[in-house]
Amino acid sequence: MLRDRRETAAPDAATGASSVHVGRDGWLFLTGGSNRVLAQYGRGLRRWWLLRAWARLIEARTARAARLGIRCVHTFVPEKLSVYDNLTGGLAYDPGRASTRILARRLMDLPGYVDLLTPFRAARDGPAPLYQRTDTHWTVDGCLLAYRELMRALHAVPPAGIGERPRFEIDGVRDLGAKLPGRPSEVVQHWVLQRDAVRSYANALVETHEAAGRGDELHTGAHVIYRNAAPGIDPRRVILFGDSYAHFAPILLTGLFAESFAEVHFVWSSALDWTYIEAVRPDIVVAELAERFLTRLPKDDYDVETGRRRGLKARAASPAVARAA
């Protein structure tokens, strides 16, 4: 599976200890890393101000989009620590201090905020795990649950049987397991999600990495467009700003949206590009971000065009792309 390598759990240089916590039944949790994940469940004035700033940013984005006649929806993917505290084996932290929980309370009256923590915690004891046991990322079932919550907020109807698309299993070492002695592996489900959607555009960054067989190394700057002409498709145009939980490949949230709407633009960025939004004039803007990245407040100064030029330079310098051409 394609993964965001920025999010792997690296050893904590300060203590020499791992940033991975081993919980019950082999469940692994990211607790450190560059985002100091466990520290995000603490208290303090700085954290209070940061989450207050996030709430104000979301309100401002929603209002600005509304003035353009665009529906803007925000969601944050909860950390495994926020959902599966029952599997941590007594790790000392307060899941009630999760940033996603605090923001859900502050933004409960804002129609453009979709709380995923509540439905995820309600479904955590169900038959299908919502996260990979040895990885930071959600499973296809976790992604499907988030998709259904977002579709409900967008007053959209999922295509019939989308959750029953063909699945297959892969056994491998995941991002957290790779940091432990013995490198425990895990069998995870993937699916063949793409059926009606066609990728009509990929920027040079995506093309270059794919041609070199390094698509799993690409993150910020990836930009793709999918179009879908299936009968009865929702005719709306969507721009999705997201990360590895959405992905530029049609395997997660982007793929589900691409199978559900006539046109979906995916931009891998936590910051919005309002120039691009105003040029495309979508019906919907969705902003998705992993909870651990709430440590940084974006300035909404992302430039899709700069990412395109960066990709063109990379393509010109890539022997793999030259061979493919």
C-alpha atoms as a PDB file:
ATOM      1  CA  MET A   1       0.000   0.000   0.000  1.00  0.00           C
ATOM      2  CA  LEU A   2       1.159   3.524  -0.714  1.00  0.00           C
ATOM      3  CA  ARG A   3       2.097   5.281   2.478  1.00  0.00           C
ATOM      4  CA  ASP A   4       3.153   8.732   3.597  1.00  0.00           C
ATOM      5  CA  ARG A   5       6.722   8.235   4.748  1.00  0.00           C
ATOM      6  CA  ARG A   6       6.695  11.477   6.710  1.00  0.00           C
ATOM      7  CA  GLU A   7       4.516   9.725   9.234  1.00  0.00           C
ATOM      8  CA  THR A   8       6.623   6.733  10.119  1.00  0.00           C
ATOM      9  CA  ALA A   9       7.626   6.441  13.738  1.00  0.00           C
ATOM     10  CA  ALA A  10      11.292   7.267  14.142  1.00  0.00           C
ATOM     11  CA  PRO A  11      13.337   6.589  17.277  1.00  0.00           C
ATOM     12  CA  ASP A  12      13.286   9.377  19.832  1.00  0.00           C
ATOM     13  CA  ALA A  13      16.799  10.820  19.670  1.00  0.00           C
ATOM     14  CA  ALA A  14      16.436  12.569  23.016  1.00  0.00           C
ATOM     15  CA  THR A  15      15.793   9.428  25.075  1.00  0.00           C
ATOM     16  CA  GLY A  16      16.921   6.626  22.784  1.00  0.00           C
ATOM     17  CA  ALA A  17      13.473   5.071  23.278  1.00  0.00           C
ATOM     18  CA  SER A  18      11.132   4.129  20.478  1.00  0.00           C
ATOM     19  CA  SER A  19       8.265   6.376  19.474  1.00  0.00           C
ATOM     20  CA  VAL A  20       6.118   3.279  19.118  1.00  0.00           C
ATOM     21  CA  HIS A  21       4.041   1.965  22.018  1.00  0.00           C
ATOM     22  CA  VAL A  22       3.145  -1.728  22.040  1.00  0.00           C
ATOM     23  CA  GLY A  23      -0.386  -2.215  23.301  1.00  0.00           C
ATOM     24  CA  ARG A  24      -2.649  -5.221  23.689  1.00  0.00           C
ATOM     25  CA  ASP A  25      -2.666  -8.063  21.157  1.00  0.00           C
ATOM     26  CA  GLY A  26       0.157  -6.526  19.129  1.00  0.00           C
ATOM     27  CA  TRP A  27      -1.562  -3.203  18.510  1.00  0.00           C
ATOM     28  CA  LEU A  28       1.037  -0.487  17.895  1.00  0.00           C
ATOM     29  CA  PHE A  29       0.586   3.232  18.569  1.00  0.00           C
ATOM     30  CA  LEU A  30       2.644   6.206  17.466  1.00  0.00           C
ATOM     31  CA  THR A  31       3.477   8.219  20.600  1.00  0.00           C
ATOM     32  CA  GLY A  32       6.432  10.358  19.537  1.00  0.00           C
ATOM     33  CA  GLY A  33       7.918  11.411  16.250  1.00  0.00           C
ATOM     34  CA  SER A  34       8.203  14.936  14.891  1.00  0.00           C
ATOM     35  CA  ASN A  35       4.640  15.732  15.985  1.00  0.00           C
ATOM     36  CA  ARG A  36       5.150  14.473  19.580  1.00  0.00           C
ATOM     37  CA  VAL A  37       1.835  12.663  19.373  1.00  0.00           C
ATOM     38  CA  LEU A  38       1.407  11.696  23.024  1.00  0.00           C
ATOM     39  CA  ALA A  39       2.136  15.264  24.137  1.00  0.00           C
ATOM     40  CA  GLN A  40      -0.901  16.391  22.159  1.00  0.00           C
ATOM     41  CA  TYR A  41      -3.120  14.894  24.868  1.00  0.00           C
ATOM     42  CA  GLY A  42      -1.823  17.252  27.517  1.00  0.00           C
ATOM     43  CA  ARG A  43      -2.930  20.608  28.793  1.00  0.00           C
ATOM     44  CA  GLY A  44      -1.444  24.058  28.563  1.00  0.00           C
ATOM     45  CA  LEU A  45      -2.171  27.543  27.312  1.00  0.00           C
ATOM     46  CA  ARG A  46      -0.236  27.110  24.076  1.00  0.00           C
ATOM     47  CA  ARG A  47      -2.316  24.117  23.065  1.00  0.00           C
ATOM     48  CA  TRP A  48      -5.531  25.942  23.995  1.00  0.00           C
ATOM     49  CA  TRP A  49      -4.560  28.888  21.793  1.00  0.00           C
ATOM     50  CA  LEU A  50      -3.600  26.576  18.913  1.00  0.00           C
ATOM     51  CA  LEU A  51      -6.924  24.748  18.888  1.00  0.00           C
ATOM     52  CA  ARG A  52      -8.761  28.061  19.235  1.00  0.00           C
ATOM     53  CA  ALA A  53      -6.848  29.298  16.186  1.00  0.00           C
ATOM     54  CA  TRP A  54      -7.819  26.148  14.274  1.00  0.00           C
ATOM     55  CA  ALA A  55     -11.488  26.683  15.117  1.00  0.00           C
ATOM     56  CA  ARG A  56     -11.308  30.272  13.900  1.00  0.00           C
ATOM     57  CA  LEU A  57      -9.526  29.213  10.709  1.00  0.00           C
ATOM     58  CA  ILE A  58     -12.224  26.642   9.963  1.00  0.00           C
ATOM     59  CA  GLU A  59     -14.954  29.219  10.561  1.00  0.00           C
ATOM     60  CA  ALA A  60     -13.167  31.739   8.328  1.00  0.00           C
ATOM     61  CA  ARG A  61     -12.648  29.187   5.538  1.00  0.00           C
ATOM     62  CA  THR A  62     -16.303  28.171   5.705  1.00  0.00           C
ATOM     63  CA  ALA A  63     -17.482  31.774   5.488  1.00  0.00           C
ATOM     64  CA  ARG A  64     -15.123  32.647   2.628  1.00  0.00           C
ATOM     65  CA  ALA A  65     -16.242  29.629   0.627  1.00  0.00           C
ATOM     66  CA  ALA A  66     -19.896  30.472   1.269  1.00  0.00           C
ATOM     67  CA  ARG A  67     -19.362  33.937  -0.225  1.00  0.00           C
ATOM     68  CA  LEU A  68     -18.195  32.168  -3.384  1.00  0.00           C
ATOM     69  CA  GLY A  69     -21.235  29.899  -3.372  1.00  0.00           C
ATOM     70  CA  ILE A  70     -19.112  26.900  -2.324  1.00  0.00           C
ATOM     71  CA  ARG A  71     -19.826  24.428   0.463  1.00  0.00           C
ATOM     72  CA  CYS A  72     -16.710  23.909   2.584  1.00  0.00           C
ATOM     73  CA  VAL A  73     -16.395  20.843   4.816  1.00  0.00           C
ATOM     74  CA  HIS A  74     -13.600  20.046   7.287  1.00  0.00           C
ATOM     75  CA  THR A  75     -12.695  16.797   8.952  1.00  0.00           C
ATOM     76  CA  PHE A  76      -9.754  15.481  10.962  1.00  0.00           C
ATOM     77  CA  VAL A  77      -8.767  11.822  11.024  1.00  0.00           C
ATOM     78  CA  PRO A  78      -8.516  10.795  14.693  1.00  0.00           C
ATOM     79  CA  GLU A  79      -5.320   9.228  15.977  1.00  0.00           C
ATOM     80  CA  LYS A  80      -5.430   5.571  16.940  1.00  0.00           C
ATOM     81  CA  LEU A  81      -4.752   6.785  20.497  1.00  0.00           C
ATOM     82  CA  SER A  82      -7.976   8.821  20.365  1.00  0.00           C
ATOM     83  CA  VAL A  83     -10.079   5.862  19.199  1.00  0.00           C
ATOM     84  CA  TYR A  84      -8.488   2.688  20.583  1.00  0.00           C
ATOM     85  CA  ASP A  85      -7.432   3.723  24.086  1.00  0.00           C
ATOM     86  CA  ASN A  86      -8.933   0.409  25.189  1.00  0.00           C
ATOM     87  CA  LEU A  87      -6.132  -1.392  23.331  1.00  0.00           C
ATOM     88  CA  THR A  88      -3.159   0.614  24.584  1.00  0.00           C
ATOM     89  CA  GLY A  89      -2.619  -1.598  27.618  1.00  0.00           C
ATOM     90  CA  GLY A  90      -2.772   1.129  30.224  1.00  0.00           C
ATOM     91  CA  LEU A  91      -0.705   3.833  28.507  1.00  0.00           C
ATOM     92  CA  ALA A  92      -0.753   6.946  30.710  1.00  0.00           C
ATOM     93  CA  TYR A  93      -2.677   9.612  28.801  1.00  0.00           C
ATOM     94  CA  ASP A  94      -6.192  11.058  28.721  1.00  0.00           C
ATOM     95  CA  PRO A  95      -8.033  10.290  25.449  1.00  0.00           C
ATOM     96  CA  GLY A  96     -10.625  12.817  26.532  1.00  0.00           C
ATOM     97  CA  ARG A  97      -8.017  15.491  25.747  1.00  0.00           C
ATOM     98  CA  ALA A  98      -7.854  14.518  22.065  1.00  0.00           C
ATOM     99  CA  SER A  99      -7.705  17.528  19.778  1.00  0.00           C
ATOM    100  CA  THR A 100     -10.483  16.038  17.667  1.00  0.00           C
ATOM    101  CA  ARG A 101     -12.744  15.861  20.723  1.00  0.00           C
ATOM    102  CA  ILE A 102     -12.031  19.464  21.732  1.00  0.00           C
ATOM    103  CA  LEU A 103     -12.613  20.780  18.217  1.00  0.00           C
ATOM    104  CA  ALA A 104     -15.820  18.772  17.840  1.00  0.00           C
ATOM    105  CA  ARG A 105     -17.195  20.496  20.942  1.00  0.00           C
ATOM    106  CA  ARG A 106     -16.145  23.946  19.750  1.00  0.00           C
ATOM    107  CA  LEU A 107     -17.491  23.471  16.222  1.00  0.00           C
ATOM    108  CA  MET A 108     -20.593  21.411  16.954  1.00  0.00           C
ATOM    109  CA  ASP A 109     -22.877  24.155  15.595  1.00  0.00           C
ATOM    110  CA  LEU A 110     -20.904  24.596  12.369  1.00  0.00           C
ATOM    111  CA  PRO A 111     -22.486  22.554   9.527  1.00  0.00           C
ATOM    112  CA  GLY A 112     -19.149  22.454   7.737  1.00  0.00           C
ATOM    113  CA  TYR A 113     -17.352  20.430  10.430  1.00  0.00           C
ATOM    114  CA  VAL A 114     -17.612  16.633  10.334  1.00  0.00           C
ATOM    115  CA  ASP A 115     -16.712  14.915  13.595  1.00  0.00           C
ATOM    116  CA  LEU A 116     -15.165  11.502  12.937  1.00  0.00           C
ATOM    117  CA  LEU A 117     -14.113  10.720  16.493  1.00  0.00           C
ATOM    118  CA  THR A 118     -17.632   9.990  17.763  1.00  0.00           C
ATOM    119  CA  PRO A 119     -18.596   7.482  15.029  1.00  0.00           C
ATOM    120  CA  PHE A 120     -15.151   5.887  15.114  1.00  0.00           C
ATOM    121  CA  ARG A 121     -15.306   5.270  18.855  1.00  0.00           C
ATOM    122  CA  ALA A 122     -18.846   3.933  18.465  1.00  0.00           C
ATOM    123  CA  ALA A 123     -17.655   1.462  15.815  1.00  0.00           C
ATOM    124  CA  ARG A 124     -14.314   0.472  17.344  1.00  0.00           C
ATOM    125  CA  ASP A 125     -15.627  -2.791  18.813  1.00  0.00           C
ATOM    126  CA  GLY A 126     -17.275  -3.853  15.569  1.00  0.00           C
ATOM    127  CA  PRO A 127     -16.234  -6.820  13.421  1.00  0.00           C
ATOM    128  CA  ALA A 128     -13.854  -4.836  11.205  1.00  0.00           C
ATOM    129  CA  PRO A 129     -10.874  -2.864  12.584  1.00  0.00           C
ATOM    130  CA  LEU A 130     -10.818   0.790  11.636  1.00  0.00           C
ATOM    131  CA  TYR A 131      -7.022   1.117  11.703  1.00  0.00           C
ATOM    132  CA  GLN A 132      -4.208  -1.179  10.727  1.00  0.00           C
ATOM    133  CA  ARG A 133      -2.825  -2.891  13.811  1.00  0.00           C
ATOM    134  CA  THR A 134       0.844  -2.095  13.018  1.00  0.00           C
ATOM    135  CA  ASP A 135       0.420   1.118  11.022  1.00  0.00           C
ATOM    136  CA  THR A 136      -0.689   4.703  11.636  1.00  0.00           C
ATOM    137  CA  HIS A 137      -3.275   4.564   8.861  1.00  0.00           C
ATOM    138  CA  TRP A 138      -6.882   3.512   8.720  1.00  0.00           C
ATOM    139  CA  THR A 139      -8.123   0.334   7.069  1.00  0.00           C
ATOM    140  CA  VAL A 140     -10.434   0.341   4.087  1.00  0.00           C
ATOM    141  CA  ASP A 141     -13.320  -0.082   6.544  1.00  0.00           C
ATOM    142  CA  GLY A 142     -12.190   2.933   8.564  1.00  0.00           C
ATOM    143  CA  CYS A 143     -11.927   4.944   5.372  1.00  0.00           C
ATOM    144  CA  LEU A 144     -15.368   3.749   4.298  1.00  0.00           C
ATOM    145  CA  LEU A 145     -16.888   4.865   7.597  1.00  0.00           C
ATOM    146  CA  ALA A 146     -15.345   8.333   7.248  1.00  0.00           C
ATOM    147  CA  TYR A 147     -16.547   8.546   3.641  1.00  0.00           C
ATOM    148  CA  ARG A 148     -20.120   7.758   4.646  1.00  0.00           C
ATOM    149  CA  GLU A 149     -20.041  10.441   7.353  1.00  0.00           C
ATOM    150  CA  LEU A 150     -18.738  12.992   4.849  1.00  0.00           C
ATOM    151  CA  MET A 151     -21.283  12.007   2.211  1.00  0.00           C
ATOM    152  CA  ARG A 152     -24.056  12.478   4.766  1.00  0.00           C
ATOM    153  CA  ALA A 153     -22.755  15.972   5.543  1.00  0.00           C
ATOM    154  CA  LEU A 154     -22.648  16.760   1.821  1.00  0.00           C
ATOM    155  CA  HIS A 155     -26.217  15.496   1.308  1.00  0.00           C
ATOM    156  CA  ALA A 156     -24.844  12.999  -1.184  1.00  0.00           C
ATOM    157  CA  VAL A 157     -25.779   9.368  -1.788  1.00  0.00           C
ATOM    158  CA  PRO A 158     -22.961   6.796  -2.099  1.00  0.00           C
ATOM    159  CA  PRO A 159     -23.115   4.660  -5.247  1.00  0.00           C
ATOM    160  CA  ALA A 160     -24.885   1.375  -4.667  1.00  0.00           C
ATOM    161  CA  GLY A 161     -22.555  -1.362  -3.468  1.00  0.00           C
ATOM    162  CA  ILE A 162     -19.456   0.815  -3.233  1.00  0.00           C
ATOM    163  CA  GLY A 163     -18.478  -0.847   0.036  1.00  0.00           C
ATOM    164  CA  GLU A 164     -18.602  -4.258  -1.645  1.00  0.00           C
ATOM    165  CA  ARG A 165     -15.952  -3.565  -4.290  1.00  0.00           C
ATOM    166  CA  PRO A 166     -13.518  -6.517  -4.669  1.00  0.00           C
ATOM    167  CA  ARG A 167     -10.964  -6.856  -1.857  1.00  0.00           C
ATOM    168  CA  PHE A 168      -7.649  -8.644  -1.581  1.00  0.00           C
ATOM    169  CA  GLU A 169      -5.057  -9.146   1.154  1.00  0.00           C
ATOM    170  CA  ILE A 170      -1.383  -8.220   1.367  1.00  0.00           C
ATOM    171  CA  ASP A 171       1.048  -9.356   4.051  1.00  0.00           C
ATOM    172  CA  GLY A 172       3.829  -6.925   4.814  1.00  0.00           C
ATOM    173  CA  VAL A 173       5.689  -4.814   7.340  1.00  0.00           C
ATOM    174  CA  ARG A 174       3.843  -1.551   8.036  1.00  0.00           C
ATOM    175  CA  ASP A 175       5.179   1.836   9.119  1.00  0.00           C
ATOM    176  CA  LEU A 176       5.095   1.210  12.884  1.00  0.00           C
ATOM    177  CA  GLY A 177       6.096  -2.437  12.723  1.00  0.00           C
ATOM    178  CA  ALA A 178       9.198  -1.466  10.762  1.00  0.00           C
ATOM    179  CA  LYS A 179      10.518   0.381  13.824  1.00  0.00           C
ATOM    180  CA  LEU A 180      10.368  -2.566  16.206  1.00  0.00           C
ATOM    181  CA  PRO A 181      12.783  -5.466  16.734  1.00  0.00           C
ATOM    182  CA  GLY A 182      11.624  -8.376  14.667  1.00  0.00           C
ATOM    183  CA  ARG A 183       9.696  -6.080  12.304  1.00  0.00           C
ATOM    184  CA  PRO A 184       6.262  -7.665  12.859  1.00  0.00           C
ATOM    185  CA  SER A 185       4.211  -7.960   9.702  1.00  0.00           C
ATOM    186  CA  GLU A 186       0.466  -7.687   9.224  1.00  0.00           C
ATOM    187  CA  VAL A 187      -2.051  -8.945   6.694  1.00  0.00           C
ATOM    188  CA  VAL A 188      -4.232  -6.023   5.596  1.00  0.00           C
ATOM    189  CA  GLN A 189      -7.079  -5.699   3.149  1.00  0.00           C
ATOM    190  CA  HIS A 190      -6.970  -3.507   0.071  1.00  0.00           C
ATOM    191  CA  TRP A 191      -9.624  -3.132  -2.598  1.00  0.00           C
ATOM    192  CA  VAL A 192     -10.092  -2.570  -6.286  1.00  0.00           C
ATOM    193  CA  LEU A 193     -12.048   0.629  -5.816  1.00  0.00           C
ATOM    194  CA  GLN A 194     -11.748   2.343  -9.186  1.00  0.00           C
ATOM    195  CA  ARG A 195     -14.468   1.373 -11.658  1.00  0.00           C
ATOM    196  CA  ASP A 196     -16.100   4.391 -13.313  1.00  0.00           C
ATOM    197  CA  ALA A 197     -13.705   7.235 -12.479  1.00  0.00           C
ATOM    198  CA  VAL A 198     -10.842   8.047 -14.844  1.00  0.00           C
ATOM    199  CA  ARG A 199      -7.775  10.042 -13.884  1.00  0.00           C
ATOM    200  CA  SER A 200      -7.701  12.876 -16.406  1.00  0.00           C
ATOM    201  CA  TYR A 201      -4.740  14.796 -14.993  1.00  0.00           C
ATOM    202  CA  ALA A 202      -1.700  14.209 -12.808  1.00  0.00           C
ATOM    203  CA  ASN A 203       0.923  16.848 -12.235  1.00  0.00           C
ATOM    204  CA  ALA A 204       4.546  16.181 -13.115  1.00  0.00           C
ATOM    205  CA  LEU A 205       5.430  15.327  -9.508  1.00  0.00           C
ATOM    206  CA  VAL A 206       3.008  12.419  -9.591  1.00  0.00           C
ATOM    207  CA  GLU A 207       4.076  11.311 -13.065  1.00  0.00           C
ATOM    208  CA  THR A 208       7.768  11.461 -12.162  1.00  0.00           C
ATOM    209  CA  HIS A 209       7.429   9.445  -8.980  1.00  0.00           C
ATOM    210  CA  GLU A 210       5.157   6.870 -10.597  1.00  0.00           C
ATOM    211  CA  ALA A 211       7.487   6.428 -13.580  1.00  0.00           C
ATOM    212  CA  ALA A 212      10.396   5.830 -11.218  1.00  0.00           C
ATOM    213  CA  GLY A 213       8.389   3.348  -9.124  1.00  0.00           C
ATOM    214  CA  ARG A 214       8.546   5.733  -6.152  1.00  0.00           C
ATOM    215  CA  GLY A 215       4.904   6.693  -5.793  1.00  0.00           C
ATOM    216  CA  ASP A 216       4.947   5.693  -2.117  1.00  0.00           C
ATOM    217  CA  GLU A 217       7.521   8.431  -1.435  1.00  0.00           C
ATOM    218  CA  LEU A 218       5.389  11.297  -2.739  1.00  0.00           C
ATOM    219  CA  HIS A 219       3.265  13.448  -0.495  1.00  0.00           C
ATOM    220  CA  THR A 220       2.947  17.250  -0.379  1.00  0.00           C
ATOM    221  CA  GLY A 221       2.544  18.692  -3.860  1.00  0.00           C
ATOM    222  CA  ALA A 222       0.749  15.772  -5.479  1.00  0.00           C
ATOM    223  CA  HIS A 223      -2.159  16.991  -7.600  1.00  0.00           C
ATOM    224  CA  VAL A 224      -4.569  14.849  -9.621  1.00  0.00           C
ATOM    225  CA  ILE A 225      -8.007  15.192 -11.205  1.00  0.00           C
ATOM    226  CA  TYR A 226     -10.549  12.392 -11.682  1.00  0.00           C
ATOM    227  CA  ARG A 227     -13.641  12.580 -13.885  1.00  0.00           C
ATOM    228  CA  ASN A 228     -16.626  10.269 -13.832  1.00  0.00           C
ATOM    229  CA  ALA A 229     -19.315  10.087 -16.509  1.00  0.00           C
ATOM    230  CA  ALA A 230     -21.256   7.127 -15.085  1.00  0.00           C
ATOM    231  CA  PRO A 231     -25.045   7.332 -15.450  1.00  0.00           C
ATOM    232  CA  GLY A 232     -26.664   8.948 -12.420  1.00  0.00           C
ATOM    233  CA  ILE A 233     -23.390  10.288 -11.041  1.00  0.00           C
ATOM    234  CA  ASP A 234     -23.634  13.239  -8.658  1.00  0.00           C
ATOM    235  CA  PRO A 235     -22.839  16.146 -11.046  1.00  0.00           C
ATOM    236  CA  ARG A 236     -21.006  18.248  -8.487  1.00  0.00           C
ATOM    237  CA  ARG A 237     -17.325  19.203  -8.691  1.00  0.00           C
ATOM    238  CA  VAL A 238     -15.168  18.634  -5.598  1.00  0.00           C
ATOM    239  CA  ILE A 239     -11.731  19.852  -4.549  1.00  0.00           C
ATOM    240  CA  LEU A 240     -10.219  17.732  -1.782  1.00  0.00           C
ATOM    241  CA  PHE A 241      -7.215  19.084   0.120  1.00  0.00           C
ATOM    242  CA  GLY A 242      -5.845  16.155   2.087  1.00  0.00           C
ATOM    243  CA  ASP A 243      -3.002  13.845   3.027  1.00  0.00           C
ATOM    244  CA  SER A 244      -2.187  10.126   2.997  1.00  0.00           C
ATOM    245  CA  TYR A 245      -5.619   9.212   4.366  1.00  0.00           C
ATOM    246  CA  ALA A 246      -7.080  10.512   1.108  1.00  0.00           C
ATOM    247  CA  HIS A 247      -4.097   9.927  -1.240  1.00  0.00           C
ATOM    248  CA  PHE A 248      -3.652  10.785  -4.907  1.00  0.00           C
ATOM    249  CA  ALA A 249      -4.079   7.137  -5.937  1.00  0.00           C
ATOM    250  CA  PRO A 250      -7.713   5.922  -6.124  1.00  0.00           C
ATOM    251  CA  ILE A 251      -7.341   3.660  -3.095  1.00  0.00           C
ATOM    252  CA  LEU A 252      -8.768   5.649  -0.162  1.00  0.00           C
ATOM    253  CA  LEU A 253     -10.886   8.771   0.339  1.00  0.00           C
ATOM    254  CA  THR A 254      -9.971  10.329  -3.010  1.00  0.00           C
ATOM    255  CA  GLY A 255     -10.926   7.117  -4.780  1.00  0.00           C
ATOM    256  CA  LEU A 256     -14.267   6.923  -2.979  1.00  0.00           C
ATOM    257  CA  PHE A 257     -15.069  10.514  -3.903  1.00  0.00           C
ATOM    258  CA  ALA A 258     -13.948   9.941  -7.493  1.00  0.00           C
ATOM    259  CA  GLU A 259     -16.462   7.092  -7.731  1.00  0.00           C
ATOM    260  CA  SER A 260     -19.183   9.344  -6.298  1.00  0.00           C
ATOM    261  CA  PHE A 261     -18.875  12.752  -8.025  1.00  0.00           C
ATOM    262  CA  ALA A 262     -18.510  13.874 -11.634  1.00  0.00           C
ATOM    263  CA  GLU A 263     -15.186  15.620 -10.980  1.00  0.00           C
ATOM    264  CA  VAL A 264     -12.739  15.399  -8.082  1.00  0.00           C
ATOM    265  CA  HIS A 265      -9.520  17.384  -7.712  1.00  0.00           C
ATOM    266  CA  PHE A 266      -7.086  16.151  -5.065  1.00  0.00           C
ATOM    267  CA  VAL A 267      -4.313  18.405  -3.739  1.00  0.00           C
ATOM    268  CA  TRP A 268      -1.934  17.028  -1.108  1.00  0.00           C
ATOM    269  CA  SER A 269      -1.729  20.006   1.222  1.00  0.00           C
ATOM    270  CA  SER A 270      -2.956  21.079   4.658  1.00  0.00           C
ATOM    271  CA  ALA A 271      -3.144  24.664   3.391  1.00  0.00           C
ATOM    272  CA  LEU A 272      -5.780  25.764   0.894  1.00  0.00           C
ATOM    273  CA  ASP A 273      -5.053  27.491  -2.402  1.00  0.00           C
ATOM    274  CA  TRP A 274      -7.786  30.080  -2.778  1.00  0.00           C
ATOM    275  CA  THR A 275      -6.554  31.166  -6.213  1.00  0.00           C
ATOM    276  CA  TYR A 276      -7.037  27.609  -7.438  1.00  0.00           C
ATOM    277  CA  ILE A 277     -10.420  27.331  -5.716  1.00  0.00           C
ATOM    278  CA  GLU A 278     -11.629  30.547  -7.343  1.00  0.00           C
ATOM    279  CA  ALA A 279     -10.369  29.394 -10.761  1.00  0.00           C
ATOM    280  CA  VAL A 280     -12.027  25.960 -10.580  1.00  0.00           C
ATOM    281  CA  ARG A 281     -15.185  27.182  -8.806  1.00  0.00           C
ATOM    282  CA  PRO A 282     -16.105  23.785  -7.356  1.00  0.00           C
ATOM    283  CA  ASP A 283     -19.413  23.077  -5.691  1.00  0.00           C
ATOM    284  CA  ILE A 284     -17.619  21.594  -2.682  1.00  0.00           C
ATOM    285  CA  VAL A 285     -14.263  21.999  -0.955  1.00  0.00           C
ATOM    286  CA  VAL A 286     -13.261  19.279   1.516  1.00  0.00           C
ATOM    287  CA  ALA A 287     -10.290  19.739   3.852  1.00  0.00           C
ATOM    288  CA  GLU A 288      -9.020  16.514   5.464  1.00  0.00           C
ATOM    289  CA  LEU A 289      -6.051  16.252   7.821  1.00  0.00           C
ATOM    290  CA  ALA A 290      -4.664  13.715  10.281  1.00  0.00           C
ATOM    291  CA  GLU A 291      -5.114  14.754  13.904  1.00  0.00           C
ATOM    292  CA  ARG A 292      -1.375  14.667  14.631  1.00  0.00           C
ATOM    293  CA  PHE A 293      -0.764  17.454  12.111  1.00  0.00           C
ATOM    294  CA  LEU A 294      -2.891  19.886  14.115  1.00  0.00           C
ATOM    295  CA  THR A 295       0.361  20.991  15.744  1.00  0.00           C
ATOM    296  CA  ARG A 296       0.868  23.351  12.792  1.00  0.00           C
ATOM    297  CA  LEU A 297      -1.651  25.988  11.732  1.00  0.00           C
ATOM    298  CA  PRO A 298      -1.572  26.454   7.935  1.00  0.00           C
ATOM    299  CA  LYS A 299      -1.449  29.926   6.421  1.00  0.00           C
ATOM    300  CA  ASP A 300      -3.507  28.918   3.371  1.00  0.00           C
ATOM    301  CA  ASP A 301      -0.703  30.087   1.128  1.00  0.00           C
ATOM    302  CA  TYR A 302      -0.324  26.899  -0.878  1.00  0.00           C
ATOM    303  CA  ASP A 303       0.187  27.432  -4.617  1.00  0.00           C
ATOM    304  CA  VAL A 304      -0.855  24.621  -6.943  1.00  0.00           C
ATOM    305  CA  GLU A 305       1.011  26.303  -9.800  1.00  0.00           C
ATOM    306  CA  THR A 306       4.271  26.285  -7.835  1.00  0.00           C
ATOM    307  CA  GLY A 307       3.816  22.565  -7.265  1.00  0.00           C
ATOM    308  CA  ARG A 308       3.309  22.088 -11.008  1.00  0.00           C
ATOM    309  CA  ARG A 309       6.542  23.935 -11.845  1.00  0.00           C
ATOM    310  CA  ARG A 310       8.416  21.972  -9.174  1.00  0.00           C
ATOM    311  CA  GLY A 311       7.196  18.787 -10.799  1.00  0.00           C
ATOM    312  CA  LEU A 312       8.262  19.899 -14.256  1.00  0.00           C
ATOM    313  CA  LYS A 313      11.804  20.440 -12.976  1.00  0.00           C
ATOM    314  CA  ALA A 314      11.783  16.999 -11.365  1.00  0.00           C
ATOM    315  CA  ARG A 315      10.507  15.408 -14.583  1.00  0.00           C
ATOM    316  CA  ALA A 316      13.188  17.104 -16.686  1.00  0.00           C
ATOM    317  CA  ALA A 317      15.847  15.706 -14.379  1.00  0.00           C
ATOM    318  CA  SER A 318      14.380  12.184 -14.179  1.00  0.00           C
ATOM    319  CA  PRO A 319      15.951   9.445 -16.323  1.00  0.00           C
ATOM    320  CA  ALA A 320      12.966   7.201 -15.555  1.00  0.00           C
ATOM    321  CA  VAL A 321      10.532   9.653 -17.132  1.00  0.00           C
ATOM    322  CA  ALA A 322      12.800  10.080 -20.127  1.00  0.00           C
ATOM    323  CA  ARG A 323      12.851   6.278 -20.632  1.00  0.00           C
ATOM    324  CA  ALA A 324       9.060   6.092 -20.252  1.00  0.00           C
ATOM    325  CA  ALA A 325       8.622   8.776 -22.887  1.00  0.00           C
END
